[in-house]
Amino acid sequence: MAAMARAATTTDAFNAVAEPRRRQILDLLSAGERPVNDLVAVLGLPQPLVSKHLRVLREVGLVDVRDVGRQRVYCLNGRHLKPIHDWVKAYEASWSRRFERLDDVLEELKDQEFKKKED
């Protein structure tokens, strides 16, 4: 039986954003479009490496690119982040319930501490 191959980062948004530098690029682009040279300067990475990450993000549809004169300008394509958002959103209710329970426990501890001080 053959092992199932891992999806290539170039075909899956989840794998593409698993790389920290790519998440940094998406964070920068969330504020608005930027030319590649600006991304290189902010990230402090060699231009070929930034271009490689941008290519992966472009291939999975997370960023779009357009030519402005001799510059390539990149922008976030949030529509393709939706599957990731939807997946995380499924856990939000669970997190909210846990935080609410934590708030209840903290209030109980505060009440107990206050009662000890009164005694």
PDB file of N, CA and C in Angstrom:
ATOM      1  N   MET A   1       0.847  -1.182   0.000  1.00  0.00           N
ATOM      2  CA  MET A   1       0.000   0.000   0.000  1.00  0.00           C
ATOM      3  C   MET A   1       0.887   1.237   0.000  1.00  0.00           C
ATOM      4  N   ALA A   2       0.686   2.125  -0.927  1.00  0.00           N
ATOM      5  CA  ALA A   2       1.505   3.332  -1.040  1.00  0.00           C
ATOM      6  C   ALA A   2       1.030   4.388  -0.054  1.00  0.00           C
ATOM      7  N   ALA A   3       1.976   5.121   0.482  1.00  0.00           N
ATOM      8  CA  ALA A   3       1.640   6.201   1.402  1.00  0.00           C
ATOM      9  C   ALA A   3       1.045   7.357   0.614  1.00  0.00           C
ATOM     10  N   MET A   4       0.123   8.061   1.248  1.00  0.00           N
ATOM     11  CA  MET A   4      -0.493   9.193   0.586  1.00  0.00           C
ATOM     12  C   MET A   4       0.490  10.369   0.582  1.00  0.00           C
ATOM     13  N   ALA A   5       0.716  10.962  -0.569  1.00  0.00           N
ATOM     14  CA  ALA A   5       1.655  12.076  -0.686  1.00  0.00           C
ATOM     15  C   ALA A   5       1.072  13.327  -0.051  1.00  0.00           C
ATOM     16  N   ARG A   6       1.929  14.097   0.567  1.00  0.00           N
ATOM     17  CA  ARG A   6       1.534  15.360   1.172  1.00  0.00           C
ATOM     18  C   ARG A   6       1.236  16.362   0.053  1.00  0.00           C
ATOM     19  N   ALA A   7       0.199  17.158   0.237  1.00  0.00           N
ATOM     20  CA  ALA A   7      -0.154  18.158  -0.775  1.00  0.00           C
ATOM     21  C   ALA A   7       0.967  19.176  -0.914  1.00  0.00           C
ATOM     22  N   ALA A   8       1.254  19.537  -2.117  1.00  0.00           N
ATOM     23  CA  ALA A   8       2.292  20.534  -2.362  1.00  0.00           C
ATOM     24  C   ALA A   8       1.833  21.885  -1.850  1.00  0.00           C
ATOM     25  N   THR A   9       2.783  22.668  -1.349  1.00  0.00           N
ATOM     26  CA  THR A   9       2.426  23.993  -0.835  1.00  0.00           C
ATOM     27  C   THR A   9       1.862  24.874  -1.929  1.00  0.00           C
ATOM     28  N   THR A  10       2.152  24.558  -3.160  1.00  0.00           N
ATOM     29  CA  THR A  10       1.668  25.391  -4.252  1.00  0.00           C
ATOM     30  C   THR A  10       0.228  25.080  -4.640  1.00  0.00           C
ATOM     31  N   THR A  11      -0.396  24.081  -4.022  1.00  0.00           N
ATOM     32  CA  THR A  11      -1.774  23.765  -4.377  1.00  0.00           C
ATOM     33  C   THR A  11      -2.724  23.908  -3.204  1.00  0.00           C
ATOM     34  N   ASP A  12      -2.236  24.272  -2.039  1.00  0.00           N
ATOM     35  CA  ASP A  12      -3.063  24.270  -0.846  1.00  0.00           C
ATOM     36  C   ASP A  12      -2.773  25.502   0.012  1.00  0.00           C
ATOM     37  N   ALA A  13      -3.794  26.316   0.254  1.00  0.00           N
ATOM     38  CA  ALA A  13      -3.613  27.537   1.045  1.00  0.00           C
ATOM     39  C   ALA A  13      -3.155  27.220   2.467  1.00  0.00           C
ATOM     40  N   PHE A  14      -3.644  26.125   3.046  1.00  0.00           N
ATOM     41  CA  PHE A  14      -3.258  25.772   4.414  1.00  0.00           C
ATOM     42  C   PHE A  14      -1.748  25.532   4.510  1.00  0.00           C
ATOM     43  N   ASN A  15      -1.219  24.764   3.570  1.00  0.00           N
ATOM     44  CA  ASN A  15       0.228  24.511   3.580  1.00  0.00           C
ATOM     45  C   ASN A  15       1.011  25.781   3.258  1.00  0.00           C
ATOM     46  N   ALA A  16       0.486  26.587   2.361  1.00  0.00           N
ATOM     47  CA  ALA A  16       1.184  27.816   1.987  1.00  0.00           C
ATOM     48  C   ALA A  16       1.331  28.751   3.180  1.00  0.00           C
ATOM     49  N   VAL A  17       0.297  28.895   3.998  1.00  0.00           N
ATOM     50  CA  VAL A  17       0.377  29.808   5.141  1.00  0.00           C
ATOM     51  C   VAL A  17       1.040  29.170   6.357  1.00  0.00           C
ATOM     52  N   ALA A  18       1.370  27.895   6.264  1.00  0.00           N
ATOM     53  CA  ALA A  18       2.084  27.252   7.374  1.00  0.00           C
ATOM     54  C   ALA A  18       3.504  27.796   7.496  1.00  0.00           C
ATOM     55  N   GLU A  19       4.028  28.378   6.445  1.00  0.00           N
ATOM     56  CA  GLU A  19       5.391  28.910   6.454  1.00  0.00           C
ATOM     57  C   GLU A  19       5.369  30.318   7.050  1.00  0.00           C
ATOM     58  N   PRO A  20       6.128  30.570   8.127  1.00  0.00           N
ATOM     59  CA  PRO A  20       6.074  31.868   8.822  1.00  0.00           C
ATOM     60  C   PRO A  20       6.372  33.084   7.950  1.00  0.00           C
ATOM     61  N   ARG A  21       7.311  32.983   7.027  1.00  0.00           N
ATOM     62  CA  ARG A  21       7.627  34.139   6.169  1.00  0.00           C
ATOM     63  C   ARG A  21       6.450  34.485   5.270  1.00  0.00           C
ATOM     64  N   ARG A  22       5.734  33.480   4.819  1.00  0.00           N
ATOM     65  CA  ARG A  22       4.569  33.746   3.970  1.00  0.00           C
ATOM     66  C   ARG A  22       3.473  34.431   4.772  1.00  0.00           C
ATOM     67  N   ARG A  23       3.330  34.043   6.042  1.00  0.00           N
ATOM     68  CA  ARG A  23       2.353  34.731   6.885  1.00  0.00           C
ATOM     69  C   ARG A  23       2.763  36.187   7.093  1.00  0.00           C
ATOM     70  N   GLN A  24       4.062  36.429   7.232  1.00  0.00           N
ATOM     71  CA  GLN A  24       4.541  37.812   7.356  1.00  0.00           C
ATOM     72  C   GLN A  24       4.179  38.618   6.115  1.00  0.00           C
ATOM     73  N   ILE A  25       4.376  38.021   4.964  1.00  0.00           N
ATOM     74  CA  ILE A  25       4.043  38.706   3.708  1.00  0.00           C
ATOM     75  C   ILE A  25       2.550  39.021   3.668  1.00  0.00           C
ATOM     76  N   LEU A  26       1.715  38.056   4.045  1.00  0.00           N
ATOM     77  CA  LEU A  26       0.268  38.285   4.060  1.00  0.00           C
ATOM     78  C   LEU A  26      -0.085  39.396   5.051  1.00  0.00           C
ATOM     79  N   ASP A  27       0.568  39.407   6.211  1.00  0.00           N
ATOM     80  CA  ASP A  27       0.334  40.471   7.193  1.00  0.00           C
ATOM     81  C   ASP A  27       0.654  41.835   6.598  1.00  0.00           C
ATOM     82  N   LEU A  28       1.788  41.935   5.913  1.00  0.00           N
ATOM     83  CA  LEU A  28       2.169  43.208   5.298  1.00  0.00           C
ATOM     84  C   LEU A  28       1.172  43.626   4.221  1.00  0.00           C
ATOM     85  N   LEU A  29       0.730  42.666   3.431  1.00  0.00           N
ATOM     86  CA  LEU A  29      -0.204  42.978   2.347  1.00  0.00           C
ATOM     87  C   LEU A  29      -1.619  43.257   2.849  1.00  0.00           C
ATOM     88  N   SER A  30      -1.919  42.853   4.082  1.00  0.00           N
ATOM     89  CA  SER A  30      -3.260  43.124   4.617  1.00  0.00           C
ATOM     90  C   SER A  30      -3.488  44.622   4.802  1.00  0.00           C
ATOM     91  N   ALA A  31      -2.405  45.398   4.894  1.00  0.00           N
ATOM     92  CA  ALA A  31      -2.522  46.851   5.035  1.00  0.00           C
ATOM     93  C   ALA A  31      -2.652  47.546   3.678  1.00  0.00           C
ATOM     94  N   GLY A  32      -2.455  46.810   2.605  1.00  0.00           N
ATOM     95  CA  GLY A  32      -2.564  47.395   1.272  1.00  0.00           C
ATOM     96  C   GLY A  32      -1.494  46.845   0.352  1.00  0.00           C
ATOM     97  N   GLU A  33      -1.638  47.149  -0.909  1.00  0.00           N
ATOM     98  CA  GLU A  33      -0.697  46.601  -1.878  1.00  0.00           C
ATOM     99  C   GLU A  33       0.695  47.199  -1.698  1.00  0.00           C
ATOM    100  N   ARG A  34       1.702  46.399  -2.081  1.00  0.00           N
ATOM    101  CA  ARG A  34       3.100  46.817  -1.956  1.00  0.00           C
ATOM    102  C   ARG A  34       3.917  46.268  -3.108  1.00  0.00           C
ATOM    103  N   PRO A  35       4.886  47.055  -3.555  1.00  0.00           N
ATOM    104  CA  PRO A  35       5.807  46.527  -4.566  1.00  0.00           C
ATOM    105  C   PRO A  35       6.749  45.511  -3.938  1.00  0.00           C
ATOM    106  N   VAL A  36       7.240  44.600  -4.743  1.00  0.00           N
ATOM    107  CA  VAL A  36       8.110  43.541  -4.237  1.00  0.00           C
ATOM    108  C   VAL A  36       9.334  44.119  -3.531  1.00  0.00           C
ATOM    109  N   ASN A  37       9.905  45.206  -4.054  1.00  0.00           N
ATOM    110  CA  ASN A  37      11.095  45.787  -3.413  1.00  0.00           C
ATOM    111  C   ASN A  37      10.805  46.291  -2.005  1.00  0.00           C
ATOM    112  N   ASP A  38       9.598  46.776  -1.783  1.00  0.00           N
ATOM    113  CA  ASP A  38       9.192  47.214  -0.450  1.00  0.00           C
ATOM    114  C   ASP A  38       9.130  46.013   0.498  1.00  0.00           C
ATOM    115  N   LEU A  39       8.554  44.923   0.029  1.00  0.00           N
ATOM    116  CA  LEU A  39       8.487  43.705   0.845  1.00  0.00           C
ATOM    117  C   LEU A  39       9.894  43.214   1.189  1.00  0.00           C
ATOM    118  N   VAL A  40      10.800  43.242   0.221  1.00  0.00           N
ATOM    119  CA  VAL A  40      12.189  42.821   0.442  1.00  0.00           C
ATOM    120  C   VAL A  40      12.813  43.676   1.541  1.00  0.00           C
ATOM    121  N   ALA A  41      12.618  44.993   1.458  1.00  0.00           N
ATOM    122  CA  ALA A  41      13.220  45.902   2.441  1.00  0.00           C
ATOM    123  C   ALA A  41      12.650  45.673   3.840  1.00  0.00           C
ATOM    124  N   VAL A  42      11.341  45.541   3.944  1.00  0.00           N
ATOM    125  CA  VAL A  42      10.707  45.366   5.254  1.00  0.00           C
ATOM    126  C   VAL A  42      11.078  44.021   5.873  1.00  0.00           C
ATOM    127  N   LEU A  43      11.082  42.966   5.066  1.00  0.00           N
ATOM    128  CA  LEU A  43      11.368  41.628   5.576  1.00  0.00           C
ATOM    129  C   LEU A  43      12.860  41.397   5.821  1.00  0.00           C
ATOM    130  N   GLY A  44      13.704  42.159   5.137  1.00  0.00           N
ATOM    131  CA  GLY A  44      15.145  41.961   5.281  1.00  0.00           C
ATOM    132  C   GLY A  44      15.618  40.630   4.722  1.00  0.00           C
ATOM    133  N   LEU A  45      14.934  40.161   3.705  1.00  0.00           N
ATOM    134  CA  LEU A  45      15.277  38.885   3.065  1.00  0.00           C
ATOM    135  C   LEU A  45      15.788  39.159   1.657  1.00  0.00           C
ATOM    136  N   PRO A  46      16.564  38.238   1.113  1.00  0.00           N
ATOM    137  CA  PRO A  46      17.007  38.407  -0.276  1.00  0.00           C
ATOM    138  C   PRO A  46      15.809  38.420  -1.239  1.00  0.00           C
ATOM    139  N   GLN A  47      15.899  39.231  -2.273  1.00  0.00           N
ATOM    140  CA  GLN A  47      14.803  39.362  -3.231  1.00  0.00           C
ATOM    141  C   GLN A  47      14.378  38.032  -3.842  1.00  0.00           C
ATOM    142  N   PRO A  48      15.314  37.144  -4.218  1.00  0.00           N
ATOM    143  CA  PRO A  48      14.863  35.863  -4.790  1.00  0.00           C
ATOM    144  C   PRO A  48      14.016  35.034  -3.817  1.00  0.00           C
ATOM    145  N   LEU A  49      14.331  35.104  -2.521  1.00  0.00           N
ATOM    146  CA  LEU A  49      13.559  34.347  -1.533  1.00  0.00           C
ATOM    147  C   LEU A  49      12.149  34.935  -1.381  1.00  0.00           C
ATOM    148  N   VAL A  50      12.068  36.258  -1.335  1.00  0.00           N
ATOM    149  CA  VAL A  50      10.750  36.903  -1.245  1.00  0.00           C
ATOM    150  C   VAL A  50       9.936  36.569  -2.493  1.00  0.00           C
ATOM    151  N   SER A  51      10.564  36.618  -3.648  1.00  0.00           N
ATOM    152  CA  SER A  51       9.857  36.282  -4.896  1.00  0.00           C
ATOM    153  C   SER A  51       9.365  34.843  -4.894  1.00  0.00           C
ATOM    154  N   LYS A  52      10.154  33.947  -4.337  1.00  0.00           N
ATOM    155  CA  LYS A  52       9.751  32.531  -4.255  1.00  0.00           C
ATOM    156  C   LYS A  52       8.494  32.395  -3.382  1.00  0.00           C
ATOM    157  N   HIS A  53       8.498  33.069  -2.235  1.00  0.00           N
ATOM    158  CA  HIS A  53       7.323  33.011  -1.353  1.00  0.00           C
ATOM    159  C   HIS A  53       6.104  33.644  -2.026  1.00  0.00           C
ATOM    160  N   LEU A  54       6.323  34.760  -2.700  1.00  0.00           N
ATOM    161  CA  LEU A  54       5.220  35.405  -3.406  1.00  0.00           C
ATOM    162  C   LEU A  54       4.665  34.516  -4.507  1.00  0.00           C
ATOM    163  N   ARG A  55       5.534  33.777  -5.182  1.00  0.00           N
ATOM    164  CA  ARG A  55       5.079  32.867  -6.237  1.00  0.00           C
ATOM    165  C   ARG A  55       4.164  31.796  -5.641  1.00  0.00           C
ATOM    166  N   VAL A  56       4.557  31.228  -4.502  1.00  0.00           N
ATOM    167  CA  VAL A  56       3.723  30.208  -3.852  1.00  0.00           C
ATOM    168  C   VAL A  56       2.377  30.811  -3.468  1.00  0.00           C
ATOM    169  N   LEU A  57       2.401  31.993  -2.859  1.00  0.00           N
ATOM    170  CA  LEU A  57       1.150  32.641  -2.448  1.00  0.00           C
ATOM    171  C   LEU A  57       0.279  32.975  -3.658  1.00  0.00           C
ATOM    172  N   ARG A  58       0.906  33.356  -4.741  1.00  0.00           N
ATOM    173  CA  ARG A  58       0.165  33.667  -5.968  1.00  0.00           C
ATOM    174  C   ARG A  58      -0.453  32.393  -6.559  1.00  0.00           C
ATOM    175  N   GLU A  59       0.303  31.310  -6.555  1.00  0.00           N
ATOM    176  CA  GLU A  59      -0.188  30.054  -7.149  1.00  0.00           C
ATOM    177  C   GLU A  59      -1.383  29.478  -6.399  1.00  0.00           C
ATOM    178  N   VAL A  60      -1.475  29.720  -5.083  1.00  0.00           N
ATOM    179  CA  VAL A  60      -2.643  29.238  -4.335  1.00  0.00           C
ATOM    180  C   VAL A  60      -3.748  30.289  -4.284  1.00  0.00           C
ATOM    181  N   GLY A  61      -3.507  31.443  -4.934  1.00  0.00           N
ATOM    182  CA  GLY A  61      -4.530  32.470  -5.048  1.00  0.00           C
ATOM    183  C   GLY A  61      -4.612  33.442  -3.886  1.00  0.00           C
ATOM    184  N   LEU A  62      -3.656  33.402  -2.954  1.00  0.00           N
ATOM    185  CA  LEU A  62      -3.724  34.285  -1.787  1.00  0.00           C
ATOM    186  C   LEU A  62      -3.259  35.704  -2.073  1.00  0.00           C
ATOM    187  N   VAL A  63      -2.471  35.885  -3.123  1.00  0.00           N
ATOM    188  CA  VAL A  63      -2.065  37.224  -3.529  1.00  0.00           C
ATOM    189  C   VAL A  63      -2.255  37.369  -5.030  1.00  0.00           C
ATOM    190  N   ASP A  64      -2.475  38.598  -5.427  1.00  0.00           N
ATOM    191  CA  ASP A  64      -2.545  38.949  -6.845  1.00  0.00           C
ATOM    192  C   ASP A  64      -1.392  39.886  -7.143  1.00  0.00           C
ATOM    193  N   VAL A  65      -0.991  39.950  -8.395  1.00  0.00           N
ATOM    194  CA  VAL A  65       0.118  40.814  -8.799  1.00  0.00           C
ATOM    195  C   VAL A  65      -0.278  41.584 -10.048  1.00  0.00           C
ATOM    196  N   ARG A  66       0.221  42.805 -10.135  1.00  0.00           N
ATOM    197  CA  ARG A  66       0.022  43.591 -11.355  1.00  0.00           C
ATOM    198  C   ARG A  66       1.301  44.377 -11.606  1.00  0.00           C
ATOM    199  N   ASP A  67       1.529  44.654 -12.847  1.00  0.00           N
ATOM    200  CA  ASP A  67       2.702  45.441 -13.226  1.00  0.00           C
ATOM    201  C   ASP A  67       2.330  46.914 -13.238  1.00  0.00           C
ATOM    202  N   VAL A  68       3.172  47.703 -12.583  1.00  0.00           N
ATOM    203  CA  VAL A  68       3.023  49.159 -12.580  1.00  0.00           C
ATOM    204  C   VAL A  68       4.355  49.699 -13.067  1.00  0.00           C
ATOM    205  N   GLY A  69       4.389  50.048 -14.330  1.00  0.00           N
ATOM    206  CA  GLY A  69       5.664  50.434 -14.924  1.00  0.00           C
ATOM    207  C   GLY A  69       6.598  49.237 -14.892  1.00  0.00           C
ATOM    208  N   ARG A  70       7.756  49.424 -14.264  1.00  0.00           N
ATOM    209  CA  ARG A  70       8.722  48.321 -14.176  1.00  0.00           C
ATOM    210  C   ARG A  70       8.616  47.568 -12.860  1.00  0.00           C
ATOM    211  N   GLN A  71       7.660  47.971 -12.009  1.00  0.00           N
ATOM    212  CA  GLN A  71       7.502  47.305 -10.718  1.00  0.00           C
ATOM    213  C   GLN A  71       6.376  46.289 -10.754  1.00  0.00           C
ATOM    214  N   ARG A  72       6.547  45.257  -9.929  1.00  0.00           N
ATOM    215  CA  ARG A  72       5.467  44.299  -9.699  1.00  0.00           C
ATOM    216  C   ARG A  72       4.874  44.627  -8.337  1.00  0.00           C
ATOM    217  N   VAL A  73       3.585  44.878  -8.315  1.00  0.00           N
ATOM    218  CA  VAL A  73       2.895  45.261  -7.091  1.00  0.00           C
ATOM    219  C   VAL A  73       1.970  44.114  -6.681  1.00  0.00           C
ATOM    220  N   TYR A  74       2.069  43.726  -5.396  1.00  0.00           N
ATOM    221  CA  TYR A  74       1.297  42.599  -4.883  1.00  0.00           C
ATOM    222  C   TYR A  74       0.209  43.097  -3.944  1.00  0.00           C
ATOM    223  N   CYS A  75      -0.907  42.375  -3.947  1.00  0.00           N
ATOM    224  CA  CYS A  75      -1.984  42.682  -3.011  1.00  0.00           C
ATOM    225  C   CYS A  75      -2.600  41.373  -2.519  1.00  0.00           C
ATOM    226  N   LEU A  76      -3.199  41.463  -1.361  1.00  0.00           N
ATOM    227  CA  LEU A  76      -3.840  40.313  -0.735  1.00  0.00           C
ATOM    228  C   LEU A  76      -5.136  39.980  -1.467  1.00  0.00           C
ATOM    229  N   ASN A  77      -5.395  38.706  -1.646  1.00  0.00           N
ATOM    230  CA  ASN A  77      -6.668  38.248  -2.200  1.00  0.00           C
ATOM    231  C   ASN A  77      -7.376  37.490  -1.071  1.00  0.00           C
ATOM    232  N   GLY A  78      -8.072  38.246  -0.235  1.00  0.00           N
ATOM    233  CA  GLY A  78      -8.710  37.680   0.949  1.00  0.00           C
ATOM    234  C   GLY A  78      -9.734  36.604   0.656  1.00  0.00           C
ATOM    235  N   ARG A  79     -10.315  36.625  -0.533  1.00  0.00           N
ATOM    236  CA  ARG A  79     -11.321  35.621  -0.895  1.00  0.00           C
ATOM    237  C   ARG A  79     -10.764  34.203  -0.752  1.00  0.00           C
ATOM    238  N   HIS A  80      -9.476  34.028  -1.069  1.00  0.00           N
ATOM    239  CA  HIS A  80      -8.889  32.694  -0.981  1.00  0.00           C
ATOM    240  C   HIS A  80      -8.450  32.322   0.440  1.00  0.00           C
ATOM    241  N   LEU A  81      -8.566  33.255   1.389  1.00  0.00           N
ATOM    242  CA  LEU A  81      -8.327  32.933   2.796  1.00  0.00           C
ATOM    243  C   LEU A  81      -9.586  32.357   3.445  1.00  0.00           C
ATOM    244  N   LYS A  82     -10.708  32.446   2.762  1.00  0.00           N
ATOM    245  CA  LYS A  82     -11.979  32.003   3.337  1.00  0.00           C
ATOM    246  C   LYS A  82     -11.972  30.551   3.823  1.00  0.00           C
ATOM    247  N   PRO A  83     -11.396  29.594   3.086  1.00  0.00           N
ATOM    248  CA  PRO A  83     -11.388  28.223   3.618  1.00  0.00           C
ATOM    249  C   PRO A  83     -10.665  28.127   4.963  1.00  0.00           C
ATOM    250  N   ILE A  84      -9.612  28.895   5.131  1.00  0.00           N
ATOM    251  CA  ILE A  84      -8.886  28.890   6.407  1.00  0.00           C
ATOM    252  C   ILE A  84      -9.754  29.532   7.481  1.00  0.00           C
ATOM    253  N   HIS A  85     -10.383  30.646   7.144  1.00  0.00           N
ATOM    254  CA  HIS A  85     -11.279  31.324   8.081  1.00  0.00           C
ATOM    255  C   HIS A  85     -12.410  30.398   8.512  1.00  0.00           C
ATOM    256  N   ASP A  86     -13.026  29.735   7.538  1.00  0.00           N
ATOM    257  CA  ASP A  86     -14.142  28.834   7.842  1.00  0.00           C
ATOM    258  C   ASP A  86     -13.703  27.696   8.754  1.00  0.00           C
ATOM    259  N   TRP A  87     -12.517  27.157   8.510  1.00  0.00           N
ATOM    260  CA  TRP A  87     -12.011  26.055   9.321  1.00  0.00           C
ATOM    261  C   TRP A  87     -11.776  26.527  10.764  1.00  0.00           C
ATOM    262  N   VAL A  88     -11.147  27.681  10.930  1.00  0.00           N
ATOM    263  CA  VAL A  88     -10.879  28.207  12.271  1.00  0.00           C
ATOM    264  C   VAL A  88     -12.187  28.575  12.962  1.00  0.00           C
ATOM    265  N   LYS A  89     -13.121  29.126  12.219  1.00  0.00           N
ATOM    266  CA  LYS A  89     -14.406  29.547  12.789  1.00  0.00           C
ATOM    267  C   LYS A  89     -15.139  28.375  13.439  1.00  0.00           C
ATOM    268  N   ALA A  90     -14.946  27.179  12.915  1.00  0.00           N
ATOM    269  CA  ALA A  90     -15.588  26.003  13.493  1.00  0.00           C
ATOM    270  C   ALA A  90     -15.142  25.777  14.939  1.00  0.00           C
ATOM    271  N   TYR A  91     -13.969  26.269  15.291  1.00  0.00           N
ATOM    272  CA  TYR A  91     -13.450  26.099  16.653  1.00  0.00           C
ATOM    273  C   TYR A  91     -13.791  27.270  17.557  1.00  0.00           C
ATOM    274  N   GLU A  92     -14.275  28.354  16.979  1.00  0.00           N
ATOM    275  CA  GLU A  92     -14.523  29.572  17.753  1.00  0.00           C
ATOM    276  C   GLU A  92     -15.531  29.346  18.876  1.00  0.00           C
ATOM    277  N   ALA A  93     -16.602  28.621  18.614  1.00  0.00           N
ATOM    278  CA  ALA A  93     -17.613  28.378  19.646  1.00  0.00           C
ATOM    279  C   ALA A  93     -17.004  27.627  20.821  1.00  0.00           C
ATOM    280  N   SER A  94     -16.170  26.650  20.518  1.00  0.00           N
ATOM    281  CA  SER A  94     -15.504  25.890  21.577  1.00  0.00           C
ATOM    282  C   SER A  94     -14.600  26.791  22.406  1.00  0.00           C
ATOM    283  N   TRP A  95     -13.826  27.644  21.727  1.00  0.00           N
ATOM    284  CA  TRP A  95     -12.937  28.557  22.439  1.00  0.00           C
ATOM    285  C   TRP A  95     -13.745  29.511  23.319  1.00  0.00           C
ATOM    286  N   SER A  96     -14.839  30.029  22.773  1.00  0.00           N
ATOM    287  CA  SER A  96     -15.665  30.972  23.524  1.00  0.00           C
ATOM    288  C   SER A  96     -16.209  30.326  24.787  1.00  0.00           C
ATOM    289  N   ARG A  97     -16.705  29.092  24.678  1.00  0.00           N
ATOM    290  CA  ARG A  97     -17.218  28.383  25.855  1.00  0.00           C
ATOM    291  C   ARG A  97     -16.112  28.196  26.892  1.00  0.00           C
ATOM    292  N   ARG A  98     -14.920  27.834  26.435  1.00  0.00           N
ATOM    293  CA  ARG A  98     -13.812  27.627  27.366  1.00  0.00           C
ATOM    294  C   ARG A  98     -13.417  28.916  28.060  1.00  0.00           C
ATOM    295  N   PHE A  99     -13.392  30.027  27.317  1.00  0.00           N
ATOM    296  CA  PHE A  99     -13.053  31.310  27.937  1.00  0.00           C
ATOM    297  C   PHE A  99     -14.126  31.732  28.941  1.00  0.00           C
ATOM    298  N   GLU A 100     -15.387  31.460  28.616  1.00  0.00           N
ATOM    299  CA  GLU A 100     -16.465  31.788  29.549  1.00  0.00           C
ATOM    300  C   GLU A 100     -16.325  30.972  30.827  1.00  0.00           C
ATOM    301  N   ARG A 101     -15.997  29.685  30.696  1.00  0.00           N
ATOM    302  CA  ARG A 101     -15.788  28.853  31.885  1.00  0.00           C
ATOM    303  C   ARG A 101     -14.597  29.348  32.687  1.00  0.00           C
ATOM    304  N   LEU A 102     -13.553  29.760  31.999  1.00  0.00           N
ATOM    305  CA  LEU A 102     -12.375  30.298  32.684  1.00  0.00           C
ATOM    306  C   LEU A 102     -12.744  31.560  33.455  1.00  0.00           C
ATOM    307  N   ASP A 103     -13.547  32.429  32.852  1.00  0.00           N
ATOM    308  CA  ASP A 103     -14.011  33.636  33.547  1.00  0.00           C
ATOM    309  C   ASP A 103     -14.774  33.263  34.815  1.00  0.00           C
ATOM    310  N   ASP A 104     -15.628  32.228  34.720  1.00  0.00           N
ATOM    311  CA  ASP A 104     -16.389  31.785  35.894  1.00  0.00           C
ATOM    312  C   ASP A 104     -15.462  31.285  36.992  1.00  0.00           C
ATOM    313  N   VAL A 105     -14.468  30.502  36.614  1.00  0.00           N
ATOM    314  CA  VAL A 105     -13.515  29.973  37.592  1.00  0.00           C
ATOM    315  C   VAL A 105     -12.742  31.113  38.249  1.00  0.00           C
ATOM    316  N   LEU A 106     -12.306  32.074  37.463  1.00  0.00           N
ATOM    317  CA  LEU A 106     -11.569  33.215  38.022  1.00  0.00           C
ATOM    318  C   LEU A 106     -12.439  34.013  38.990  1.00  0.00           C
ATOM    319  N   GLU A 107     -13.701  34.208  38.668  1.00  0.00           N
ATOM    320  CA  GLU A 107     -14.611  34.909  39.578  1.00  0.00           C
ATOM    321  C   GLU A 107     -14.773  34.133  40.880  1.00  0.00           C
ATOM    322  N   GLU A 108     -14.908  32.803  40.786  1.00  0.00           N
ATOM    323  CA  GLU A 108     -15.020  31.987  41.991  1.00  0.00           C
ATOM    324  C   GLU A 108     -13.775  32.109  42.856  1.00  0.00           C
ATOM    325  N   LEU A 109     -12.603  32.091  42.219  1.00  0.00           N
ATOM    326  CA  LEU A 109     -11.350  32.230  42.967  1.00  0.00           C
ATOM    327  C   LEU A 109     -11.259  33.600  43.639  1.00  0.00           C
ATOM    328  N   LYS A 110     -11.674  34.636  42.943  1.00  0.00           N
ATOM    329  CA  LYS A 110     -11.675  35.979  43.540  1.00  0.00           C
ATOM    330  C   LYS A 110     -12.607  36.029  44.748  1.00  0.00           C
ATOM    331  N   ASP A 111     -13.804  35.423  44.595  1.00  0.00           N
ATOM    332  CA  ASP A 111     -14.759  35.396  45.706  1.00  0.00           C
ATOM    333  C   ASP A 111     -14.186  34.655  46.908  1.00  0.00           C
ATOM    334  N   GLN A 112     -13.545  33.525  46.652  1.00  0.00           N
ATOM    335  CA  GLN A 112     -12.936  32.748  47.736  1.00  0.00           C
ATOM    336  C   GLN A 112     -11.839  33.553  48.428  1.00  0.00           C
ATOM    337  N   GLU A 113     -11.020  34.235  47.649  1.00  0.00           N
ATOM    338  CA  GLU A 113      -9.943  35.038  48.211  1.00  0.00           C
ATOM    339  C   GLU A 113     -10.509  36.188  49.043  1.00  0.00           C
ATOM    340  N   PHE A 114     -11.578  36.811  48.545  1.00  0.00           N
ATOM    341  CA  PHE A 114     -12.209  37.912  49.270  1.00  0.00           C
ATOM    342  C   PHE A 114     -12.778  37.427  50.591  1.00  0.00           C
ATOM    343  N   LYS A 115     -13.434  36.236  50.584  1.00  0.00           N
ATOM    344  CA  LYS A 115     -14.013  35.670  51.806  1.00  0.00           C
ATOM    345  C   LYS A 115     -12.926  35.341  52.814  1.00  0.00           C
ATOM    346  N   LYS A 116     -11.757  34.862  52.360  1.00  0.00           N
ATOM    347  CA  LYS A 116     -10.653  34.565  53.270  1.00  0.00           C
ATOM    348  C   LYS A 116     -10.170  35.821  53.961  1.00  0.00           C
ATOM    349  N   LYS A 117     -10.117  36.919  53.211  1.00  0.00           N
ATOM    350  CA  LYS A 117      -9.646  38.182  53.776  1.00  0.00           C
ATOM    351  C   LYS A 117     -10.623  38.745  54.791  1.00  0.00           C
ATOM    352  N   GLU A 118     -11.926  38.447  54.600  1.00  0.00           N
ATOM    353  CA  GLU A 118     -12.933  38.922  55.541  1.00  0.00           C
ATOM    354  C   GLU A 118     -12.877  38.195  56.868  1.00  0.00           C
ATOM    355  N   ASP A 119     -12.429  36.927  56.816  1.00  0.00           N
ATOM    356  CA  ASP A 119     -12.408  36.093  58.045  1.00  0.00           C
ATOM    357  C   ASP A 119     -11.309  36.449  58.971  1.00  0.00           C
TER     358      ASP A 119
END
